[in-house]
Amino acid sequence: MRSEIDSQTIEKLMDVLGKEARGSGRIYFTGGASALLIGWRESTVDIELASPQDFLPPLPRWRDRSVFIERKGQISFYHYDFTAQALSKL
């Protein structure tokens, strides 16, 4: 049985990744993780290592439409382009 994840769990994950990173980088959240951080949901079952690009070709300017969340250490966190997220579910 999988335990549910809440927004505090994602915040802790971001803190750890920011502290442990040895170089700069970007992490893009999708699906349930984005819904939690925005406040659309109170919990999700898991945080998957998946991208809309696993299901469709990258949309032009997807990086420009990705929404910045915050920076922790050398890591910048974003919500992956919501248009691409929606299209990948079709």
PDB file of N, CA and C in Angstrom:
ATOM      1  N   MET A   1       0.837  -1.181   0.000  1.00  0.00           N
ATOM      2  CA  MET A   1       0.000   0.000   0.000  1.00  0.00           C
ATOM      3  C   MET A   1       0.888   1.253   0.000  1.00  0.00           C
ATOM      4  N   ARG A   2       0.583   2.195  -0.868  1.00  0.00           N
ATOM      5  CA  ARG A   2       1.357   3.427  -0.949  1.00  0.00           C
ATOM      6  C   ARG A   2       0.763   4.470  -0.016  1.00  0.00           C
ATOM      7  N   SER A   3       1.646   5.249   0.592  1.00  0.00           N
ATOM      8  CA  SER A   3       1.157   6.317   1.456  1.00  0.00           C
ATOM      9  C   SER A   3       0.893   7.563   0.619  1.00  0.00           C
ATOM     10  N   GLU A   4      -0.015   8.395   1.111  1.00  0.00           N
ATOM     11  CA  GLU A   4      -0.338   9.622   0.399  1.00  0.00           C
ATOM     12  C   GLU A   4       0.725  10.680   0.662  1.00  0.00           C
ATOM     13  N   ILE A   5       0.916  11.522  -0.320  1.00  0.00           N
ATOM     14  CA  ILE A   5       1.896  12.599  -0.251  1.00  0.00           C
ATOM     15  C   ILE A   5       1.135  13.918  -0.175  1.00  0.00           C
ATOM     16  N   ASP A   6       1.593  14.826   0.676  1.00  0.00           N
ATOM     17  CA  ASP A   6       0.957  16.142   0.772  1.00  0.00           C
ATOM     18  C   ASP A   6       1.956  17.215   0.360  1.00  0.00           C
ATOM     19  N   SER A   7       1.512  18.468   0.373  1.00  0.00           N
ATOM     20  CA  SER A   7       2.376  19.551  -0.098  1.00  0.00           C
ATOM     21  C   SER A   7       3.616  19.722   0.781  1.00  0.00           C
ATOM     22  N   GLN A   8       3.506  19.434   2.092  1.00  0.00           N
ATOM     23  CA  GLN A   8       4.680  19.541   2.966  1.00  0.00           C
ATOM     24  C   GLN A   8       5.758  18.522   2.571  1.00  0.00           C
ATOM     25  N   THR A   9       5.326  17.353   2.122  1.00  0.00           N
ATOM     26  CA  THR A   9       6.284  16.335   1.672  1.00  0.00           C
ATOM     27  C   THR A   9       7.036  16.827   0.443  1.00  0.00           C
ATOM     28  N   ILE A  10       6.332  17.463  -0.478  1.00  0.00           N
ATOM     29  CA  ILE A  10       6.989  17.990  -1.675  1.00  0.00           C
ATOM     30  C   ILE A  10       7.930  19.126  -1.305  1.00  0.00           C
ATOM     31  N   GLU A  11       7.514  19.968  -0.375  1.00  0.00           N
ATOM     32  CA  GLU A  11       8.387  21.058   0.092  1.00  0.00           C
ATOM     33  C   GLU A  11       9.672  20.491   0.703  1.00  0.00           C
ATOM     34  N   LYS A  12       9.548  19.423   1.485  1.00  0.00           N
ATOM     35  CA  LYS A  12      10.738  18.786   2.083  1.00  0.00           C
ATOM     36  C   LYS A  12      11.637  18.212   0.992  1.00  0.00           C
ATOM     37  N   LEU A  13      11.026  17.584  -0.010  1.00  0.00           N
ATOM     38  CA  LEU A  13      11.799  17.047  -1.134  1.00  0.00           C
ATOM     39  C   LEU A  13      12.571  18.163  -1.829  1.00  0.00           C
ATOM     40  N   MET A  14      11.918  19.289  -2.060  1.00  0.00           N
ATOM     41  CA  MET A  14      12.576  20.426  -2.698  1.00  0.00           C
ATOM     42  C   MET A  14      13.734  20.933  -1.844  1.00  0.00           C
ATOM     43  N   ASP A  15      13.533  21.006  -0.531  1.00  0.00           N
ATOM     44  CA  ASP A  15      14.606  21.441   0.370  1.00  0.00           C
ATOM     45  C   ASP A  15      15.816  20.526   0.266  1.00  0.00           C
ATOM     46  N   VAL A  16      15.568  19.214   0.323  1.00  0.00           N
ATOM     47  CA  VAL A  16      16.666  18.243   0.271  1.00  0.00           C
ATOM     48  C   VAL A  16      17.387  18.320  -1.065  1.00  0.00           C
ATOM     49  N   LEU A  17      16.634  18.343  -2.154  1.00  0.00           N
ATOM     50  CA  LEU A  17      17.276  18.420  -3.473  1.00  0.00           C
ATOM     51  C   LEU A  17      18.092  19.691  -3.614  1.00  0.00           C
ATOM     52  N   GLY A  18      17.569  20.795  -3.116  1.00  0.00           N
ATOM     53  CA  GLY A  18      18.299  22.057  -3.173  1.00  0.00           C
ATOM     54  C   GLY A  18      19.585  22.025  -2.371  1.00  0.00           C
ATOM     55  N   LYS A  19      19.552  21.383  -1.207  1.00  0.00           N
ATOM     56  CA  LYS A  19      20.742  21.301  -0.354  1.00  0.00           C
ATOM     57  C   LYS A  19      21.778  20.325  -0.900  1.00  0.00           C
ATOM     58  N   GLU A  20      21.323  19.246  -1.514  1.00  0.00           N
ATOM     59  CA  GLU A  20      22.239  18.200  -1.970  1.00  0.00           C
ATOM     60  C   GLU A  20      22.813  18.438  -3.365  1.00  0.00           C
ATOM     61  N   ALA A  21      22.193  19.293  -4.139  1.00  0.00           N
ATOM     62  CA  ALA A  21      22.641  19.519  -5.518  1.00  0.00           C
ATOM     63  C   ALA A  21      24.050  20.088  -5.535  1.00  0.00           C
ATOM     64  N   ARG A  22      24.873  19.545  -6.404  1.00  0.00           N
ATOM     65  CA  ARG A  22      26.256  20.005  -6.538  1.00  0.00           C
ATOM     66  C   ARG A  22      26.431  20.942  -7.720  1.00  0.00           C
ATOM     67  N   GLY A  23      25.347  21.203  -8.407  1.00  0.00           N
ATOM     68  CA  GLY A  23      25.381  22.115  -9.544  1.00  0.00           C
ATOM     69  C   GLY A  23      23.992  22.662  -9.779  1.00  0.00           C
ATOM     70  N   SER A  24      23.902  23.635 -10.662  1.00  0.00           N
ATOM     71  CA  SER A  24      22.600  24.239 -10.917  1.00  0.00           C
ATOM     72  C   SER A  24      21.747  23.318 -11.785  1.00  0.00           C
ATOM     73  N   GLY A  25      20.455  23.500 -11.671  1.00  0.00           N
ATOM     74  CA  GLY A  25      19.550  22.691 -12.471  1.00  0.00           C
ATOM     75  C   GLY A  25      18.118  23.152 -12.321  1.00  0.00           C
ATOM     76  N   ARG A  26      17.251  22.486 -13.071  1.00  0.00           N
ATOM     77  CA  ARG A  26      15.822  22.773 -13.037  1.00  0.00           C
ATOM     78  C   ARG A  26      15.073  21.465 -12.847  1.00  0.00           C
ATOM     79  N   ILE A  27      14.014  21.541 -12.070  1.00  0.00           N
ATOM     80  CA  ILE A  27      13.118  20.400 -11.895  1.00  0.00           C
ATOM     81  C   ILE A  27      11.721  20.899 -12.209  1.00  0.00           C
ATOM     82  N   TYR A  28      11.011  20.132 -13.052  1.00  0.00           N
ATOM     83  CA  TYR A  28       9.668  20.486 -13.471  1.00  0.00           C
ATOM     84  C   TYR A  28       8.681  19.502 -12.851  1.00  0.00           C
ATOM     85  N   PHE A  29       7.721  20.033 -12.103  1.00  0.00           N
ATOM     86  CA  PHE A  29       6.680  19.197 -11.513  1.00  0.00           C
ATOM     87  C   PHE A  29       5.485  19.131 -12.461  1.00  0.00           C
ATOM     88  N   THR A  30       4.789  18.000 -12.427  1.00  0.00           N
ATOM     89  CA  THR A  30       3.593  17.790 -13.233  1.00  0.00           C
ATOM     90  C   THR A  30       2.520  17.137 -12.375  1.00  0.00           C
ATOM     91  N   GLY A  31       1.342  17.043 -12.927  1.00  0.00           N
ATOM     92  CA  GLY A  31       0.257  16.264 -12.349  1.00  0.00           C
ATOM     93  C   GLY A  31      -0.058  16.570 -10.898  1.00  0.00           C
ATOM     94  N   GLY A  32      -0.081  15.495 -10.091  1.00  0.00           N
ATOM     95  CA  GLY A  32      -0.442  15.618  -8.687  1.00  0.00           C
ATOM     96  C   GLY A  32       0.463  16.533  -7.904  1.00  0.00           C
ATOM     97  N   ALA A  33       1.744  16.551  -8.227  1.00  0.00           N
ATOM     98  CA  ALA A  33       2.672  17.436  -7.501  1.00  0.00           C
ATOM     99  C   ALA A  33       2.313  18.900  -7.751  1.00  0.00           C
ATOM    100  N   SER A  34       2.031  19.253  -8.991  1.00  0.00           N
ATOM    101  CA  SER A  34       1.612  20.627  -9.290  1.00  0.00           C
ATOM    102  C   SER A  34       0.290  20.945  -8.601  1.00  0.00           C
ATOM    103  N   ALA A  35      -0.655  20.014  -8.664  1.00  0.00           N
ATOM    104  CA  ALA A  35      -1.963  20.242  -8.044  1.00  0.00           C
ATOM    105  C   ALA A  35      -1.832  20.483  -6.543  1.00  0.00           C
ATOM    106  N   LEU A  36      -0.929  19.765  -5.889  1.00  0.00           N
ATOM    107  CA  LEU A  36      -0.712  19.970  -4.455  1.00  0.00           C
ATOM    108  C   LEU A  36      -0.130  21.346  -4.169  1.00  0.00           C
ATOM    109  N   LEU A  37       0.912  21.711  -4.895  1.00  0.00           N
ATOM    110  CA  LEU A  37       1.586  22.977  -4.633  1.00  0.00           C
ATOM    111  C   LEU A  37       0.704  24.185  -4.935  1.00  0.00           C
ATOM    112  N   ILE A  38      -0.199  24.045  -5.876  1.00  0.00           N
ATOM    113  CA  ILE A  38      -1.114  25.134  -6.213  1.00  0.00           C
ATOM    114  C   ILE A  38      -2.277  25.191  -5.219  1.00  0.00           C
ATOM    115  N   GLY A  39      -2.574  24.054  -4.598  1.00  0.00           N
ATOM    116  CA  GLY A  39      -3.680  24.006  -3.647  1.00  0.00           C
ATOM    117  C   GLY A  39      -4.959  23.419  -4.217  1.00  0.00           C
ATOM    118  N   TRP A  40      -4.872  22.769  -5.383  1.00  0.00           N
ATOM    119  CA  TRP A  40      -6.037  22.146  -6.000  1.00  0.00           C
ATOM    120  C   TRP A  40      -6.408  20.835  -5.331  1.00  0.00           C
ATOM    121  N   ARG A  41      -5.416  20.203  -4.687  1.00  0.00           N
ATOM    122  CA  ARG A  41      -5.634  18.923  -4.009  1.00  0.00           C
ATOM    123  C   ARG A  41      -4.941  18.953  -2.666  1.00  0.00           C
ATOM    124  N   GLU A  42      -5.365  18.086  -1.777  1.00  0.00           N
ATOM    125  CA  GLU A  42      -4.730  17.989  -0.463  1.00  0.00           C
ATOM    126  C   GLU A  42      -3.697  16.876  -0.399  1.00  0.00           C
ATOM    127  N   SER A  43      -3.818  15.890  -1.291  1.00  0.00           N
ATOM    128  CA  SER A  43      -2.850  14.794  -1.299  1.00  0.00           C
ATOM    129  C   SER A  43      -2.836  14.136  -2.668  1.00  0.00           C
ATOM    130  N   THR A  44      -1.787  13.354  -2.906  1.00  0.00           N
ATOM    131  CA  THR A  44      -1.674  12.554  -4.112  1.00  0.00           C
ATOM    132  C   THR A  44      -1.036  11.231  -3.710  1.00  0.00           C
ATOM    133  N   VAL A  45      -1.166  10.242  -4.548  1.00  0.00           N
ATOM    134  CA  VAL A  45      -0.662   8.908  -4.201  1.00  0.00           C
ATOM    135  C   VAL A  45       0.845   8.820  -4.375  1.00  0.00           C
ATOM    136  N   ASP A  46       1.385   9.496  -5.373  1.00  0.00           N
ATOM    137  CA  ASP A  46       2.828   9.415  -5.613  1.00  0.00           C
ATOM    138  C   ASP A  46       3.285  10.594  -6.465  1.00  0.00           C
ATOM    139  N   ILE A  47       4.583  10.717  -6.558  1.00  0.00           N
ATOM    140  CA  ILE A  47       5.192  11.683  -7.469  1.00  0.00           C
ATOM    141  C   ILE A  47       5.949  10.851  -8.491  1.00  0.00           C
ATOM    142  N   GLU A  48       5.456  10.834  -9.723  1.00  0.00           N
ATOM    143  CA  GLU A  48       6.068   9.995 -10.750  1.00  0.00           C
ATOM    144  C   GLU A  48       7.172  10.742 -11.482  1.00  0.00           C
ATOM    145  N   LEU A  49       8.122   9.978 -11.944  1.00  0.00           N
ATOM    146  CA  LEU A  49       9.172  10.522 -12.800  1.00  0.00           C
ATOM    147  C   LEU A  49       8.687  10.391 -14.242  1.00  0.00           C
ATOM    148  N   ALA A  50       7.798  11.299 -14.612  1.00  0.00           N
ATOM    149  CA  ALA A  50       7.212  11.290 -15.953  1.00  0.00           C
ATOM    150  C   ALA A  50       7.132  12.722 -16.452  1.00  0.00           C
ATOM    151  N   SER A  51       7.039  12.837 -17.744  1.00  0.00           N
ATOM    152  CA  SER A  51       6.964  14.152 -18.378  1.00  0.00           C
ATOM    153  C   SER A  51       5.946  14.082 -19.501  1.00  0.00           C
ATOM    154  N   PRO A  52       5.263  15.178 -19.795  1.00  0.00           N
ATOM    155  CA  PRO A  52       4.406  15.177 -20.978  1.00  0.00           C
ATOM    156  C   PRO A  52       5.179  14.771 -22.234  1.00  0.00           C
ATOM    157  N   GLN A  53       6.480  15.021 -22.253  1.00  0.00           N
ATOM    158  CA  GLN A  53       7.299  14.636 -23.403  1.00  0.00           C
ATOM    159  C   GLN A  53       7.416  13.117 -23.545  1.00  0.00           C
ATOM    160  N   ASP A  54       6.998  12.373 -22.524  1.00  0.00           N
ATOM    161  CA  ASP A  54       6.944  10.918 -22.648  1.00  0.00           C
ATOM    162  C   ASP A  54       5.769  10.491 -23.520  1.00  0.00           C
ATOM    163  N   PHE A  55       4.804  11.401 -23.753  1.00  0.00           N
ATOM    164  CA  PHE A  55       3.573  11.066 -24.445  1.00  0.00           C
ATOM    165  C   PHE A  55       3.343  11.852 -25.731  1.00  0.00           C
ATOM    166  N   LEU A  56       4.022  12.981 -25.892  1.00  0.00           N
ATOM    167  CA  LEU A  56       3.884  13.788 -27.097  1.00  0.00           C
ATOM    168  C   LEU A  56       5.174  14.566 -27.313  1.00  0.00           C
ATOM    169  N   PRO A  57       5.408  15.004 -28.551  1.00  0.00           N
ATOM    170  CA  PRO A  57       6.628  15.786 -28.804  1.00  0.00           C
ATOM    171  C   PRO A  57       6.602  17.089 -27.994  1.00  0.00           C
ATOM    172  N   PRO A  58       7.767  17.598 -27.631  1.00  0.00           N
ATOM    173  CA  PRO A  58       7.803  18.856 -26.880  1.00  0.00           C
ATOM    174  C   PRO A  58       7.107  19.976 -27.660  1.00  0.00           C
ATOM    175  N   LEU A  59       6.256  20.703 -26.971  1.00  0.00           N
ATOM    176  CA  LEU A  59       5.578  21.825 -27.615  1.00  0.00           C
ATOM    177  C   LEU A  59       6.538  23.005 -27.740  1.00  0.00           C
ATOM    178  N   PRO A  60       6.421  23.775 -28.813  1.00  0.00           N
ATOM    179  CA  PRO A  60       7.254  24.971 -28.930  1.00  0.00           C
ATOM    180  C   PRO A  60       7.045  25.889 -27.724  1.00  0.00           C
ATOM    181  N   ARG A  61       8.114  26.427 -27.215  1.00  0.00           N
ATOM    182  CA  ARG A  61       8.115  27.405 -26.110  1.00  0.00           C
ATOM    183  C   ARG A  61       7.564  26.853 -24.797  1.00  0.00           C
ATOM    184  N   TRP A  62       7.632  25.531 -24.602  1.00  0.00           N
ATOM    185  CA  TRP A  62       7.105  24.963 -23.353  1.00  0.00           C
ATOM    186  C   TRP A  62       7.842  25.519 -22.137  1.00  0.00           C
ATOM    187  N   ARG A  63       9.131  25.800 -22.287  1.00  0.00           N
ATOM    188  CA  ARG A  63       9.887  26.365 -21.155  1.00  0.00           C
ATOM    189  C   ARG A  63       9.362  27.749 -20.775  1.00  0.00           C
ATOM    190  N   ASP A  64       8.999  28.536 -21.789  1.00  0.00           N
ATOM    191  CA  ASP A  64       8.467  29.885 -21.526  1.00  0.00           C
ATOM    192  C   ASP A  64       7.134  29.831 -20.777  1.00  0.00           C
ATOM    193  N   ARG A  65       6.341  28.784 -21.033  1.00  0.00           N
ATOM    194  CA  ARG A  65       5.034  28.663 -20.382  1.00  0.00           C
ATOM    195  C   ARG A  65       5.093  27.919 -19.054  1.00  0.00           C
ATOM    196  N   SER A  66       6.230  27.348 -18.705  1.00  0.00           N
ATOM    197  CA  SER A  66       6.379  26.680 -17.416  1.00  0.00           C
ATOM    198  C   SER A  66       6.441  27.742 -16.321  1.00  0.00           C
ATOM    199  N   VAL A  67       5.728  27.498 -15.241  1.00  0.00           N
ATOM    200  CA  VAL A  67       5.561  28.493 -14.178  1.00  0.00           C
ATOM    201  C   VAL A  67       6.594  28.270 -13.074  1.00  0.00           C
ATOM    202  N   PHE A  68       7.373  29.305 -12.790  1.00  0.00           N
ATOM    203  CA  PHE A  68       8.387  29.242 -11.740  1.00  0.00           C
ATOM    204  C   PHE A  68       7.716  29.097 -10.373  1.00  0.00           C
ATOM    205  N   ILE A  69       8.238  28.170  -9.552  1.00  0.00           N
ATOM    206  CA  ILE A  69       7.736  27.978  -8.194  1.00  0.00           C
ATOM    207  C   ILE A  69       8.663  28.683  -7.215  1.00  0.00           C
ATOM    208  N   GLU A  70       9.903  28.203  -7.145  1.00  0.00           N
ATOM    209  CA  GLU A  70      10.913  28.833  -6.293  1.00  0.00           C
ATOM    210  C   GLU A  70      12.265  28.182  -6.541  1.00  0.00           C
ATOM    211  N   ARG A  71      13.280  28.799  -5.973  1.00  0.00           N
ATOM    212  CA  ARG A  71      14.649  28.285  -6.069  1.00  0.00           C
ATOM    213  C   ARG A  71      15.086  27.856  -4.689  1.00  0.00           C
ATOM    214  N   LYS A  72      15.651  26.651  -4.631  1.00  0.00           N
ATOM    215  CA  LYS A  72      16.225  26.117  -3.388  1.00  0.00           C
ATOM    216  C   LYS A  72      17.663  25.751  -3.695  1.00  0.00           C
ATOM    217  N   GLY A  73      18.599  26.409  -3.023  1.00  0.00           N
ATOM    218  CA  GLY A  73      20.006  26.162  -3.342  1.00  0.00           C
ATOM    219  C   GLY A  73      20.255  26.507  -4.797  1.00  0.00           C
ATOM    220  N   GLN A  74      20.805  25.552  -5.532  1.00  0.00           N
ATOM    221  CA  GLN A  74      21.099  25.780  -6.946  1.00  0.00           C
ATOM    222  C   GLN A  74      20.026  25.232  -7.881  1.00  0.00           C
ATOM    223  N   ILE A  75      18.918  24.772  -7.319  1.00  0.00           N
ATOM    224  CA  ILE A  75      17.860  24.160  -8.124  1.00  0.00           C
ATOM    225  C   ILE A  75      16.657  25.091  -8.223  1.00  0.00           C
ATOM    226  N   SER A  76      16.207  25.318  -9.441  1.00  0.00           N
ATOM    227  CA  SER A  76      14.983  26.079  -9.688  1.00  0.00           C
ATOM    228  C   SER A  76      13.858  25.089  -9.974  1.00  0.00           C
ATOM    229  N   PHE A  77      12.721  25.300  -9.327  1.00  0.00           N
ATOM    230  CA  PHE A  77      11.577  24.417  -9.466  1.00  0.00           C
ATOM    231  C   PHE A  77      10.479  25.126 -10.248  1.00  0.00           C
ATOM    232  N   TYR A  78       9.848  24.369 -11.156  1.00  0.00           N
ATOM    233  CA  TYR A  78       8.805  24.902 -12.031  1.00  0.00           C
ATOM    234  C   TYR A  78       7.632  23.931 -12.112  1.00  0.00           C
ATOM    235  N   HIS A  79       6.452  24.471 -12.456  1.00  0.00           N
ATOM    236  CA  HIS A  79       5.332  23.656 -12.913  1.00  0.00           C
ATOM    237  C   HIS A  79       5.540  23.524 -14.422  1.00  0.00           C
ATOM    238  N   TYR A  80       5.604  22.293 -14.893  1.00  0.00           N
ATOM    239  CA  TYR A  80       5.745  22.073 -16.333  1.00  0.00           C
ATOM    240  C   TYR A  80       4.551  22.704 -17.054  1.00  0.00           C
ATOM    241  N   ASP A  81       4.784  23.243 -18.219  1.00  0.00           N
ATOM    242  CA  ASP A  81       3.774  23.876 -19.075  1.00  0.00           C
ATOM    243  C   ASP A  81       2.412  23.183 -18.934  1.00  0.00           C
ATOM    244  N   PHE A  82       1.429  23.914 -18.393  1.00  0.00           N
ATOM    245  CA  PHE A  82       0.113  23.326 -18.146  1.00  0.00           C
ATOM    246  C   PHE A  82      -0.594  22.916 -19.434  1.00  0.00           C
ATOM    247  N   THR A  83      -0.356  23.621 -20.542  1.00  0.00           N
ATOM    248  CA  THR A  83      -0.949  23.224 -21.821  1.00  0.00           C
ATOM    249  C   THR A  83      -0.434  21.852 -22.235  1.00  0.00           C
ATOM    250  N   ALA A  84       0.869  21.647 -22.131  1.00  0.00           N
ATOM    251  CA  ALA A  84       1.446  20.347 -22.479  1.00  0.00           C
ATOM    252  C   ALA A  84       0.940  19.252 -21.538  1.00  0.00           C
ATOM    253  N   GLN A  85       0.797  19.578 -20.252  1.00  0.00           N
ATOM    254  CA  GLN A  85       0.273  18.585 -19.309  1.00  0.00           C
ATOM    255  C   GLN A  85      -1.134  18.142 -19.724  1.00  0.00           C
ATOM    256  N   ALA A  86      -1.982  19.113 -20.076  1.00  0.00           N
ATOM    257  CA  ALA A  86      -3.359  18.780 -20.463  1.00  0.00           C
ATOM    258  C   ALA A  86      -3.377  17.955 -21.747  1.00  0.00           C
ATOM    259  N   LEU A  87      -2.604  18.348 -22.745  1.00  0.00           N
ATOM    260  CA  LEU A  87      -2.580  17.620 -24.015  1.00  0.00           C
ATOM    261  C   LEU A  87      -2.051  16.199 -23.841  1.00  0.00           C
ATOM    262  N   SER A  88      -1.123  16.008 -22.927  1.00  0.00           N
ATOM    263  CA  SER A  88      -0.547  14.670 -22.743  1.00  0.00           C
ATOM    264  C   SER A  88      -1.552  13.689 -22.135  1.00  0.00           C
ATOM    265  N   LYS A  89      -2.645  14.209 -21.588  1.00  0.00           N
ATOM    266  CA  LYS A  89      -3.672  13.354 -20.978  1.00  0.00           C
ATOM    267  C   LYS A  89      -4.726  12.913 -21.984  1.00  0.00           C
ATOM    268  N   LEU A  90      -4.722  13.504 -23.200  1.00  0.00           N
ATOM    269  CA  LEU A  90      -5.728  13.164 -24.216  1.00  0.00           C
ATOM    270  C   LEU A  90      -5.406  11.859 -24.896  1.00  0.00           C
TER     271      LEU A  90
END
